[in-house]
Each structure stands twice: as structure tokens, then as C-alpha cells.
Amino acid sequence: MLALALALMPLPAEYNPSDVQAQPQAGPKVVQATGEQLLGIAADALEQGQTELATDIYEALLRDRDQKIRNEARFRLAGMAIARRDWVTAGTLLREILDSEPGAVRARIELARVQAEMGHSEAAQRTLREAQAGQLPSDVARFVERFSAALRDRKALGGSIQLAFAGDSNVNRAARSDTLGTVIGDFEIDDDARRTSGTGLSLQADGYFRRQFGNDATLLVRGGLSGDFYRQDRFNDVTAFGSAGPEFKVGKGLGRLQAGYQRRWFGGERFVDAITINFDWQRRLGKRSQFRTGINLVQQDFLENSLQDGDMFGAFAGIEHAFGTRTCAWANIGGARQPARDPAFSTASGSINAGVWREIGRASLVASATYQHLEADRRLAIFPERRREDFLRLSLGATLRALSWRGWAPQVRVIREKNSSSIEINRYNRVRAEAGIVRAF
């Protein structure tokens, strides 16, 4: 039983006094009612425009001992937040429901709606796949299908930002050795090329604008900035990009063609400029999976070494699958060919990436692994061998929603990298730890 003091407050007309026990006493009138009865009182109050009373009752019910009552109150508060377009509050409440009740299909569908309204269409699609991993009534399943198909047209303008403090054991990805072995002897490595540790700020920000043309085509304009910034600014690594192009239906999937420009700075100096053309295509495979494939062309201009200039061709394919309402996994394969003016800088590479995402209580865990093999066409004259490399990257991260504040939650991640190379200067090990904030839903 939950006691609620309703001092001098009129009850809704539909309220039936016989359903509760009134205890006469001096002062404010105290009314005792069950959680279900209070949900009814709040619903009636909301119908009569008594929003503050309804909100007070729902917020009081968040402390009810019955989890179903608490979650129903959260769901109704989320609905009120959606009505006033307070997406952060709505998303936070809906995520709290799913943390304690993963099978709450209504809450998961509404969370997808909130994510779509905020411009996070990929997250919304993933949330819908998680919903469809459960057992849905036929009418709900049809609604989810229509909602999923309409997601790409919902938001005209949006973006995201991620900030993290990062500690890195090897900010410049340098070899452990202080000397460089060549065919004519060993050379001492410059201080800036030696392994250096550091702590800095990691930033990822992007935005987009989308405009509909007809029923089947959309113009998408994107831009963004990512970088690692250190106290020793000679190790700052920053990349900016912009692109534009159409999204359109191709068969049973969605195609996206983008042309863009990218610039990278290292240590405050321009490092490489690139003109990019990308095409990718994605489609759903059943209710739980999504397939994606694409090709890209990149024309690169290296500012300090024109012998590296050339056109890079790449292709990839990947699949993502929801195993249930709390578990999702993905796998991708890719390859790239990078001819350069000097064949010693020309390379071919292949890669594979796989990962899993899992909700545990009020936390989300993400683990991933990437492997890449790369070979150069010829050896550089100064080195005894042709360049051959094996790169491995392991990552484990967690978003801690139990510590969320105003829709934001702390995120921690640990990354381990190892690059094995036939060229001594390219061999390195690296451990990186990040602590930052992301959206809690």
C-alpha cells in the first residue's frame, strides 16, 4: 500500500471513493490506495488537464515496492515527456524500464522512436531489431516493420558528440627501439619518433542535414571532426571531413552515394588531404539481422612525401544480428588496394572485425576485435625486407547507466593494439584507457 497526502486537492470525477480507505483525522486528508488504483487516479487527472497532480502521483509511484508499478509509472512519465518533446527525459525513463525488464516491448519501441527523433537512426534500427528478437503479436510486428521502413525519413537535422579523457602508453605509435636498422647500418631515432606516453582529450563530433526529394530519394549532407589532443601538441592527431550525396532505394535495400573531402593534421601540420567517393548498400535480413556492403575510392595527397600519393580502392561487407533483447553481435570483412607513385609505398590489405554488445543490469558492455594483414609491393631501398604487417586491436568498453545524469552516462574503455612488422620502425605496442560521457540510451 502506498499512502499519498492529497491536501485540499480535488479528486477526478471518475474516482470511486469505495475503492480506497479514507482515514479521518485532523489536518490534511490522507488517502490510502494500491499502486494500481493510483495509476488510475493519475490517468483520470491527466484527462482532466491536472498535469501536475498526475506527475506527482507517477513520481511517487517510482518508489513503489512493485517493479511493474514502478515501470508503468516510468512509461507514463515517458509518454508525457514525449508529448512535450523532451526526448532526453523520455529516453532516460524508457532505458530504466528496459534495464529492469528487458522484455518490455512497448518501452523498446518507444525508445526507438525517441532515438529516431533525436537523429540516432542507426541506434533506433538496432533497438527495433532487439524488439523483434522477442515474441511480438502480429499487429505489433506489422507496426514495427512500417516504423523501421520509415526511420530514414524522420529527422532532417541532427548530430552527436563524444568526449573522453584518454591515457595512452604510445601516443605516436612508435617502436620500442631507439635505433633503426637499415641495409647500411643502424641509425639513432629522433626524439619525436621515439615511444612517448601521454594523457589527453579525445573528441568525436559529427552532424548531418537531410532533405527529402520525392518518395524514394533523400539528399544527405554530413560533416564531422575527430581528434586526440595532448599537452605535447606535436602529437595531436586531428581529422575533419565533409560529404554529400543521395540516399535512395536499391532493390529491397537502401543505397547511399557520398562524395566528400577529408583533411588530417598531425602535430598541427597538414599531413594528408583526400577526396573520397563512397557507395554503401544495406538491407534487412529477416527480423533480427541487417546486411551492409560497400565500395570506396580515395584519392590521397601526402603533403610531406609525394611518393605516397595515389588512389586507394576498398570494399567491405558485414552483418549485424540481434540474438535477443539484450545481446547483439556483428562481423565485417574488408580489403583495400593502395597504389602509390613509388611501388615501395603501394600496399594491399585485408581485415576482419567482430564484436558483441550485451546489456547487463544497468550497464552495456561492448567487446570487439580487429585483425588486418598488409603487404607492400616492393621493399624500400633503405630497408632489408619488403613491408609485411599483422595488426591486432582488442577493445572492451562499458556504459554505466546506473551513474547517469540528465540523460548522460559515464563510459570507460580499454584498447590494446599490437602491430607486428618486417620493418623495425613500424613495430609497436599500445595500451589506451578512456573515460568519458555518452548518451545513456
Protein backbone atom coordinates (compact mmCIF):
# COMPACT_ATOMS: atom_id res chain seq x y z
CA MET A 1 0.00 0.00 0.00
CA LEU A 2 1.19 3.49 -0.75
CA ALA A 3 -0.03 6.48 1.29
CA LEU A 4 -0.38 9.72 -0.62
CA ALA A 5 -1.27 13.01 1.03
CA LEU A 6 -3.64 14.93 -1.16
CA ALA A 7 -4.18 18.00 0.94
CA LEU A 8 -7.16 20.02 -0.29
CA MET A 9 -6.75 18.54 -3.80
CA PRO A 10 -9.96 17.63 -5.67
CA LEU A 11 -10.02 14.06 -6.91
CA PRO A 12 -11.01 13.36 -10.54
CA ALA A 13 -14.72 12.90 -11.15
CA GLU A 14 -14.23 9.26 -12.18
CA TYR A 15 -12.57 8.47 -8.84
CA ASN A 16 -14.67 6.00 -6.80
CA PRO A 17 -14.31 6.55 -3.04
CA SER A 18 -15.45 2.99 -2.34
CA ASP A 19 -12.25 1.70 -3.93
CA VAL A 20 -9.99 3.11 -1.21
CA GLN A 21 -9.92 3.52 2.54
CA ALA A 22 -10.20 7.05 3.94
CA GLN A 23 -8.90 7.64 7.47
CA PRO A 24 -10.49 10.73 9.03
CA GLN A 25 -8.07 12.78 11.11
CA ALA A 26 -7.18 16.34 11.89
CA GLY A 27 -5.21 18.26 9.28
CA PRO A 28 -4.69 17.12 5.70
CA LYS A 29 -6.76 14.23 4.47
CA VAL A 30 -4.71 11.05 3.94
CA VAL A 31 -5.92 8.61 1.30
CA GLN A 32 -4.57 5.07 1.07
CA ALA A 33 -4.68 3.27 -2.25
CA THR A 34 -2.89 0.48 -4.06
CA GLY A 35 -0.42 1.24 -6.81
CA GLU A 36 -2.90 0.17 -9.48
CA GLN A 37 -5.58 2.44 -8.05
CA LEU A 38 -3.16 5.37 -8.01
CA LEU A 39 -2.28 4.73 -11.65
CA GLY A 40 -5.98 5.05 -12.42
CA ILE A 41 -6.29 8.24 -10.37
CA ALA A 42 -3.31 9.75 -12.21
CA ALA A 43 -4.72 8.78 -15.61
CA ASP A 44 -8.05 10.43 -14.76
CA ALA A 45 -6.24 13.53 -13.52
CA LEU A 46 -4.32 13.76 -16.77
CA GLU A 47 -7.52 13.51 -18.80
CA GLN A 48 -8.94 16.45 -16.84
CA GLY A 49 -5.83 18.54 -17.50
CA GLN A 50 -4.41 18.20 -13.97
CA THR A 51 -0.90 17.54 -15.27
CA GLU A 52 0.92 18.48 -12.07
CA LEU A 53 -1.22 16.13 -9.97
CA ALA A 54 -0.68 13.27 -12.43
CA THR A 55 3.07 13.91 -12.47
CA ASP A 56 3.24 13.95 -8.67
CA ILE A 57 1.41 10.63 -8.44
CA TYR A 58 3.57 8.95 -11.11
CA GLU A 59 6.77 10.22 -9.47
CA ALA A 60 5.57 8.93 -6.10
CA LEU A 61 4.91 5.54 -7.67
CA LEU A 62 8.57 5.34 -8.75
CA ARG A 63 9.20 4.35 -5.12
CA ASP A 64 6.55 1.61 -5.05
CA ARG A 65 7.77 -1.82 -3.97
CA ASP A 66 6.23 -3.49 -7.04
CA GLN A 67 8.55 -3.31 -10.05
CA LYS A 68 5.64 -3.50 -12.51
CA ILE A 69 4.02 -0.47 -10.89
CA ARG A 70 7.32 1.45 -10.96
CA ASN A 71 7.87 0.66 -14.62
CA GLU A 72 4.29 1.54 -15.58
CA ALA A 73 4.76 4.91 -13.87
CA ARG A 74 8.04 5.40 -15.76
CA PHE A 75 6.34 4.52 -19.04
CA ARG A 76 3.54 7.04 -18.49
CA LEU A 77 6.01 9.75 -17.44
CA ALA A 78 7.97 8.97 -20.61
CA GLY A 79 4.78 9.39 -22.64
CA MET A 80 4.20 12.80 -21.07
CA ALA A 81 7.81 13.76 -21.87
CA ILE A 82 7.37 12.64 -25.49
CA ALA A 83 4.23 14.78 -25.76
CA ARG A 84 6.24 17.87 -24.81
CA ARG A 85 9.20 16.71 -26.98
CA ASP A 86 11.54 16.26 -24.03
CA TRP A 87 13.46 13.43 -25.68
CA VAL A 88 16.24 13.22 -23.08
CA THR A 89 13.84 12.66 -20.18
CA ALA A 90 11.78 10.19 -22.20
CA GLY A 91 14.80 8.21 -23.34
CA THR A 92 16.24 8.04 -19.83
CA LEU A 93 12.96 6.74 -18.36
CA LEU A 94 12.47 4.16 -21.12
CA ARG A 95 16.02 2.88 -20.73
CA GLU A 96 15.44 2.50 -16.97
CA ILE A 97 12.43 0.30 -17.75
CA LEU A 98 14.45 -1.90 -20.10
CA ASP A 99 17.30 -2.22 -17.61
CA SER A 100 14.95 -3.94 -15.17
CA GLU A 101 12.50 -5.51 -17.65
CA PRO A 102 14.24 -6.39 -20.97
CA GLY A 103 11.07 -7.93 -22.39
CA ALA A 104 9.07 -4.68 -22.20
CA VAL A 105 8.28 -4.42 -25.91
CA ARG A 106 6.26 -1.20 -25.68
CA ALA A 107 9.12 0.57 -23.93
CA ARG A 108 11.65 -0.67 -26.51
CA ILE A 109 9.55 0.53 -29.44
CA GLU A 110 9.04 3.93 -27.82
CA LEU A 111 12.80 4.14 -27.15
CA ALA A 112 13.40 3.56 -30.86
CA ARG A 113 11.01 6.40 -31.60
CA VAL A 114 12.90 8.72 -29.23
CA GLN A 115 16.25 7.74 -30.76
CA ALA A 116 14.88 8.43 -34.23
CA GLU A 117 13.54 11.83 -33.20
CA MET A 118 16.99 12.71 -31.84
CA GLY A 119 18.56 11.73 -35.17
CA HIS A 120 20.16 8.48 -33.99
CA SER A 121 18.66 6.33 -36.75
CA GLU A 122 21.22 3.51 -36.52
CA ALA A 123 20.61 3.16 -32.78
CA ALA A 124 16.85 3.20 -33.44
CA GLN A 125 17.15 0.44 -36.04
CA ARG A 126 19.17 -1.66 -33.61
CA THR A 127 16.58 -1.12 -30.88
CA LEU A 128 13.82 -2.29 -33.23
CA ARG A 129 15.80 -5.41 -34.14
CA GLU A 130 16.11 -6.15 -30.44
CA ALA A 131 12.35 -5.74 -30.07
CA GLN A 132 11.71 -8.13 -32.95
CA ALA A 133 14.01 -10.70 -31.36
CA GLY A 134 11.21 -11.28 -28.86
CA GLN A 135 7.72 -12.63 -29.47
CA LEU A 136 5.51 -9.89 -30.93
CA PRO A 137 1.77 -10.01 -31.64
CA SER A 138 1.11 -9.87 -35.38
CA ASP A 139 -0.32 -6.34 -35.31
CA VAL A 140 2.66 -5.04 -33.30
CA ALA A 141 5.08 -6.83 -35.65
CA ARG A 142 3.48 -5.11 -38.67
CA PHE A 143 3.73 -1.73 -36.94
CA VAL A 144 7.42 -2.28 -36.18
CA GLU A 145 8.07 -3.21 -39.82
CA ARG A 146 6.43 0.00 -41.05
CA PHE A 147 8.21 2.07 -38.42
CA SER A 148 11.57 0.58 -39.39
CA ALA A 149 10.99 1.35 -43.07
CA ALA A 150 10.12 4.98 -42.27
CA LEU A 151 13.04 5.68 -39.93
CA ARG A 152 15.38 7.17 -42.52
CA ASP A 153 12.96 9.99 -43.25
CA ARG A 154 12.19 11.12 -39.71
CA LYS A 155 14.93 13.62 -38.85
CA ALA A 156 16.13 16.47 -41.08
CA LEU A 157 18.93 17.78 -38.89
CA GLY A 158 20.98 16.09 -36.20
CA GLY A 159 24.36 15.23 -34.78
CA SER A 160 26.28 13.69 -31.91
CA ILE A 161 29.34 14.35 -29.77
CA GLN A 162 31.55 12.17 -27.59
CA LEU A 163 34.21 13.42 -25.18
CA ALA A 164 36.69 11.32 -23.22
CA PHE A 165 39.91 11.68 -21.28
CA ALA A 166 42.46 9.22 -22.65
CA GLY A 167 45.67 7.84 -21.24
CA ASP A 168 47.90 6.33 -23.92
CA SER A 169 51.10 4.34 -23.46
CA ASN A 170 52.24 5.14 -27.02
CA VAL A 171 50.64 8.27 -28.45
CA ASN A 172 52.78 8.28 -31.61
CA ARG A 173 52.65 4.50 -32.27
CA ALA A 174 56.44 4.31 -32.17
CA ALA A 175 58.76 1.32 -31.91
CA ARG A 176 60.35 0.48 -28.57
CA SER A 177 63.86 0.56 -30.03
CA ASP A 178 65.94 3.78 -30.02
CA THR A 179 67.75 2.79 -33.21
CA LEU A 180 66.65 1.98 -36.76
CA GLY A 181 68.25 -0.90 -38.61
CA THR A 182 68.91 -0.36 -42.34
CA VAL A 183 70.97 -2.00 -45.08
CA ILE A 184 73.79 0.47 -44.42
CA GLY A 185 73.79 0.27 -40.62
CA ASP A 186 71.87 1.42 -37.56
CA PHE A 187 70.64 5.00 -37.17
CA GLU A 188 69.59 6.74 -33.97
CA ILE A 189 65.90 7.65 -33.91
CA ASP A 190 64.89 11.28 -33.36
CA ASP A 191 63.22 12.09 -30.02
CA ASP A 192 59.85 12.82 -31.67
CA ALA A 193 59.88 9.37 -33.29
CA ARG A 194 60.50 7.53 -30.03
CA ARG A 195 57.79 5.90 -27.98
CA THR A 196 56.00 8.53 -25.86
CA SER A 197 53.16 8.16 -23.37
CA GLY A 198 50.62 10.87 -22.64
CA THR A 199 47.19 11.86 -21.38
CA GLY A 200 44.82 13.97 -23.42
CA LEU A 201 41.31 14.66 -24.65
CA SER A 202 39.58 12.54 -27.27
CA LEU A 203 36.81 14.20 -29.31
CA GLN A 204 34.36 12.82 -31.86
CA ALA A 205 31.67 15.09 -33.27
CA ASP A 206 29.50 14.86 -36.37
CA GLY A 207 26.35 16.36 -37.80
CA TYR A 208 24.08 15.92 -40.77
CA PHE A 209 21.35 17.57 -42.81
CA ARG A 210 18.80 15.53 -44.74
CA ARG A 211 16.23 16.72 -47.27
CA GLN A 212 13.59 14.59 -48.97
CA PHE A 213 13.25 14.58 -52.77
CA GLY A 214 10.18 12.68 -53.92
CA ASN A 215 9.18 9.40 -52.33
CA ASP A 216 12.36 7.41 -52.83
CA ALA A 217 15.34 9.79 -52.66
CA THR A 218 16.94 11.94 -49.98
CA LEU A 219 19.89 14.34 -50.05
CA LEU A 220 22.26 13.72 -47.14
CA VAL A 221 24.97 16.22 -46.15
CA ARG A 222 27.43 15.19 -43.42
CA GLY A 223 30.37 16.75 -41.63
CA GLY A 224 32.50 15.94 -38.63
CA LEU A 225 35.67 16.28 -36.62
CA SER A 226 37.64 13.73 -34.62
CA GLY A 227 40.90 14.07 -32.80
CA ASP A 228 43.22 13.32 -29.93
CA PHE A 229 44.64 16.37 -28.19
CA TYR A 230 47.65 16.17 -25.86
CA ARG A 231 49.62 18.60 -23.73
CA GLN A 232 52.56 17.84 -26.04
CA ASP A 233 50.79 19.27 -29.07
CA ARG A 234 53.32 17.83 -31.53
CA PHE A 235 51.39 14.55 -31.12
CA ASN A 236 47.90 15.98 -31.75
CA ASP A 237 46.08 13.93 -34.39
CA VAL A 238 43.00 15.60 -35.94
CA THR A 239 40.77 14.70 -38.89
CA ALA A 240 37.94 16.76 -40.41
CA PHE A 241 35.57 15.63 -43.16
CA GLY A 242 32.56 16.69 -45.16
CA SER A 243 30.44 14.80 -47.69
CA ALA A 244 27.18 15.00 -49.61
CA GLY A 245 25.11 12.74 -51.80
CA PRO A 246 21.80 10.94 -52.29
CA GLU A 247 20.14 8.12 -50.37
CA PHE A 248 17.82 6.02 -52.50
CA LYS A 249 16.12 2.65 -52.69
CA VAL A 250 18.05 -0.09 -54.48
CA GLY A 251 16.09 -3.32 -54.74
CA LYS A 252 14.98 -4.30 -51.25
CA GLY A 253 17.61 -2.17 -49.57
CA LEU A 254 18.82 1.39 -49.14
CA GLY A 255 21.76 2.77 -51.12
CA ARG A 256 23.89 5.77 -50.18
CA LEU A 257 26.32 7.55 -52.52
CA GLN A 258 28.60 10.16 -50.98
CA ALA A 259 31.34 12.39 -52.39
CA GLY A 260 33.49 14.23 -49.90
CA TYR A 261 36.74 15.80 -48.78
CA GLN A 262 38.91 14.90 -45.80
CA ARG A 263 41.94 16.52 -44.19
CA ARG A 264 44.21 15.19 -41.47
CA TRP A 265 46.66 17.14 -39.34
CA PHE A 266 49.41 15.68 -37.18
CA GLY A 267 51.28 17.85 -34.71
CA GLY A 268 49.45 20.89 -36.04
CA GLU A 269 50.79 20.35 -39.58
CA ARG A 270 48.79 19.21 -42.59
CA PHE A 271 49.55 15.55 -43.12
CA VAL A 272 47.25 14.27 -45.87
CA ASP A 273 44.32 15.55 -47.94
CA ALA A 274 41.85 13.17 -49.55
CA ILE A 275 38.94 13.27 -51.98
CA THR A 276 36.50 10.44 -51.25
CA ILE A 277 33.71 8.67 -53.10
CA ASN A 278 31.74 6.02 -51.19
CA PHE A 279 28.79 3.83 -52.01
CA ASP A 280 27.18 1.52 -49.48
CA TRP A 281 24.03 -0.55 -49.52
CA GLN A 282 22.15 -2.08 -46.62
CA ARG A 283 19.08 -4.23 -46.22
CA ARG A 284 17.38 -6.21 -43.52
CA LEU A 285 17.67 -9.98 -43.41
CA GLY A 286 14.63 -11.23 -41.56
CA LYS A 287 13.56 -9.56 -38.34
CA ARG A 288 16.84 -9.73 -36.42
CA SER A 289 19.64 -9.11 -38.92
CA GLN A 290 20.97 -6.37 -41.16
CA PHE A 291 23.45 -6.79 -44.01
CA ARG A 292 25.67 -3.99 -45.28
CA THR A 293 28.23 -3.79 -48.08
CA GLY A 294 30.05 -1.03 -49.91
CA ILE A 295 32.94 0.20 -52.01
CA ASN A 296 35.07 3.32 -51.77
CA LEU A 297 37.63 5.30 -53.74
CA VAL A 298 40.06 7.69 -52.05
CA GLN A 299 42.49 10.00 -53.85
CA GLN A 300 45.27 10.85 -51.38
CA ASP A 301 47.76 13.72 -51.38
CA PHE A 302 50.54 13.37 -48.77
CA LEU A 303 51.99 16.79 -48.07
CA GLU A 304 55.47 15.71 -46.94
CA ASN A 305 56.08 12.77 -49.28
CA SER A 306 54.53 12.83 -52.74
CA LEU A 307 55.85 9.30 -53.41
CA GLN A 308 52.98 8.06 -51.21
CA ASP A 309 50.32 9.82 -53.33
CA GLY A 310 47.82 7.62 -55.11
CA ASP A 311 44.27 6.28 -55.34
CA MET A 312 43.03 3.74 -52.80
CA PHE A 313 40.24 1.28 -53.64
CA GLY A 314 38.38 -0.59 -50.93
CA ALA A 315 35.38 -2.84 -50.34
CA PHE A 316 33.65 -4.31 -47.31
CA ALA A 317 30.71 -6.46 -46.23
CA GLY A 318 29.22 -7.03 -42.82
CA ILE A 319 26.26 -8.36 -40.88
CA GLU A 320 24.69 -7.45 -37.55
CA HIS A 321 22.37 -9.80 -35.67
CA ALA A 322 20.24 -9.43 -32.54
CA PHE A 323 20.31 -12.69 -30.55
CA GLY A 324 17.76 -11.37 -28.07
CA THR A 325 16.58 -8.21 -26.41
CA ARG A 326 19.90 -7.77 -24.59
CA THR A 327 22.54 -9.20 -26.94
CA CYS A 328 23.72 -8.13 -30.38
CA ALA A 329 26.79 -9.15 -32.42
CA TRP A 330 28.39 -8.10 -35.69
CA ALA A 331 31.13 -9.19 -38.10
CA ASN A 332 32.76 -7.41 -41.05
CA ILE A 333 35.36 -8.27 -43.67
CA GLY A 334 37.15 -5.81 -45.93
CA GLY A 335 40.01 -5.28 -48.30
CA ALA A 336 41.91 -2.36 -49.80
CA ARG A 337 44.39 -1.74 -52.59
CA GLN A 338 46.53 1.40 -52.38
CA PRO A 339 48.77 2.05 -55.41
CA ALA A 340 51.33 4.84 -54.93
CA ARG A 341 53.83 6.69 -57.09
CA ASP A 342 56.61 4.60 -55.58
CA PRO A 343 55.78 0.85 -55.63
CA ALA A 344 57.50 0.51 -52.25
CA PHE A 345 54.64 2.56 -50.78
CA SER A 346 51.96 0.61 -52.68
CA THR A 347 50.09 -1.82 -50.43
CA ALA A 348 47.31 -4.40 -50.37
CA SER A 349 45.47 -5.29 -47.17
CA GLY A 350 42.64 -7.40 -45.82
CA SER A 351 40.84 -7.13 -42.50
CA ILE A 352 38.22 -8.76 -40.31
CA ASN A 353 36.34 -7.22 -37.42
CA ALA A 354 33.88 -8.79 -34.99
CA GLY A 355 32.21 -7.70 -31.79
CA VAL A 356 29.40 -8.25 -29.33
CA TRP A 357 27.18 -5.88 -27.38
CA ARG A 358 25.49 -7.04 -24.19
CA GLU A 359 23.25 -5.39 -21.60
CA ILE A 360 23.91 -6.49 -18.02
CA GLY A 361 21.73 -4.81 -15.44
CA ARG A 362 22.14 -1.05 -15.83
CA ALA A 363 25.31 -1.33 -17.89
CA SER A 364 26.09 -2.00 -21.55
CA LEU A 365 29.26 -3.92 -22.38
CA VAL A 366 30.92 -3.84 -25.81
CA ALA A 367 33.82 -6.08 -26.83
CA SER A 368 35.43 -6.11 -30.27
CA ALA A 369 38.47 -7.44 -32.10
CA THR A 370 40.09 -6.34 -35.37
CA TYR A 371 42.79 -8.11 -37.38
CA GLN A 372 44.48 -6.74 -40.51
CA HIS A 373 47.22 -8.10 -42.75
CA LEU A 374 49.10 -5.71 -45.05
CA GLU A 375 51.85 -6.17 -47.63
CA ALA A 376 53.80 -3.70 -49.77
CA ASP A 377 54.55 -4.33 -53.44
CA ARG A 378 58.31 -3.81 -53.07
CA ARG A 379 60.85 -3.02 -50.40
CA LEU A 380 62.15 0.45 -49.76
CA ALA A 381 65.78 0.61 -50.81
CA ILE A 382 66.93 1.53 -47.30
CA PHE A 383 65.29 -1.48 -45.61
CA PRO A 384 66.39 -5.11 -45.95
CA GLU A 385 62.85 -6.51 -46.38
CA ARG A 386 59.57 -5.74 -48.07
CA ARG A 387 56.96 -4.36 -45.69
CA ARG A 388 54.65 -7.04 -44.24
CA GLU A 389 52.48 -6.36 -41.21
CA ASP A 390 49.93 -8.02 -38.94
CA PHE A 391 47.83 -5.66 -36.85
CA LEU A 392 45.62 -6.70 -33.91
CA ARG A 393 43.30 -4.47 -31.92
CA LEU A 394 41.22 -5.56 -28.90
CA SER A 395 38.69 -3.29 -27.22
CA LEU A 396 36.47 -3.66 -24.15
CA GLY A 397 34.13 -0.90 -23.01
CA ALA A 398 31.20 -0.29 -20.69
CA THR A 399 28.49 2.37 -20.42
CA LEU A 400 27.43 2.72 -16.78
CA ARG A 401 23.81 3.88 -16.85
CA ALA A 402 23.47 3.40 -13.08
CA LEU A 403 25.52 6.61 -12.78
CA SER A 404 23.61 8.56 -15.44
CA TRP A 405 22.81 12.25 -15.02
CA ARG A 406 20.37 14.22 -17.19
CA GLY A 407 20.50 11.68 -19.98
CA TRP A 408 24.30 11.28 -19.95
CA ALA A 409 26.22 8.30 -18.62
CA PRO A 410 29.91 7.62 -18.00
CA GLN A 411 31.69 5.34 -20.44
CA VAL A 412 35.00 3.58 -19.90
CA ARG A 413 37.04 1.68 -22.47
CA VAL A 414 40.38 -0.13 -22.66
CA ILE A 415 42.14 -0.69 -26.01
CA ARG A 416 45.12 -2.92 -26.73
CA GLU A 417 46.98 -2.69 -30.06
CA LYS A 418 49.92 -4.62 -31.46
CA ASN A 419 51.48 -4.13 -34.88
CA SER A 420 53.98 -6.79 -35.98
CA SER A 421 56.05 -5.69 -38.97
CA SER A 422 59.04 -6.77 -41.03
CA ILE A 423 60.16 -3.11 -40.77
CA GLU A 424 61.51 -2.41 -37.30
CA ILE A 425 60.30 1.20 -37.11
CA ASN A 426 56.70 0.09 -37.75
CA ARG A 427 56.55 -2.37 -34.84
CA TYR A 428 54.69 -1.10 -31.82
CA ASN A 429 52.55 -1.99 -28.83
CA ARG A 430 49.97 0.32 -27.36
CA VAL A 431 47.53 0.37 -24.44
CA ARG A 432 44.93 3.11 -24.19
CA ALA A 433 42.35 3.77 -21.46
CA GLU A 434 39.44 6.18 -21.95
CA ALA A 435 36.88 7.65 -19.57
CA GLY A 436 34.18 9.90 -20.99
CA ILE A 437 30.46 10.55 -21.33
CA VAL A 438 27.86 9.38 -23.85
CA ARG A 439 24.09 9.34 -24.12
CA ALA A 440 22.58 6.97 -21.58
CA PHE A 441 20.14 5.47 -24.12
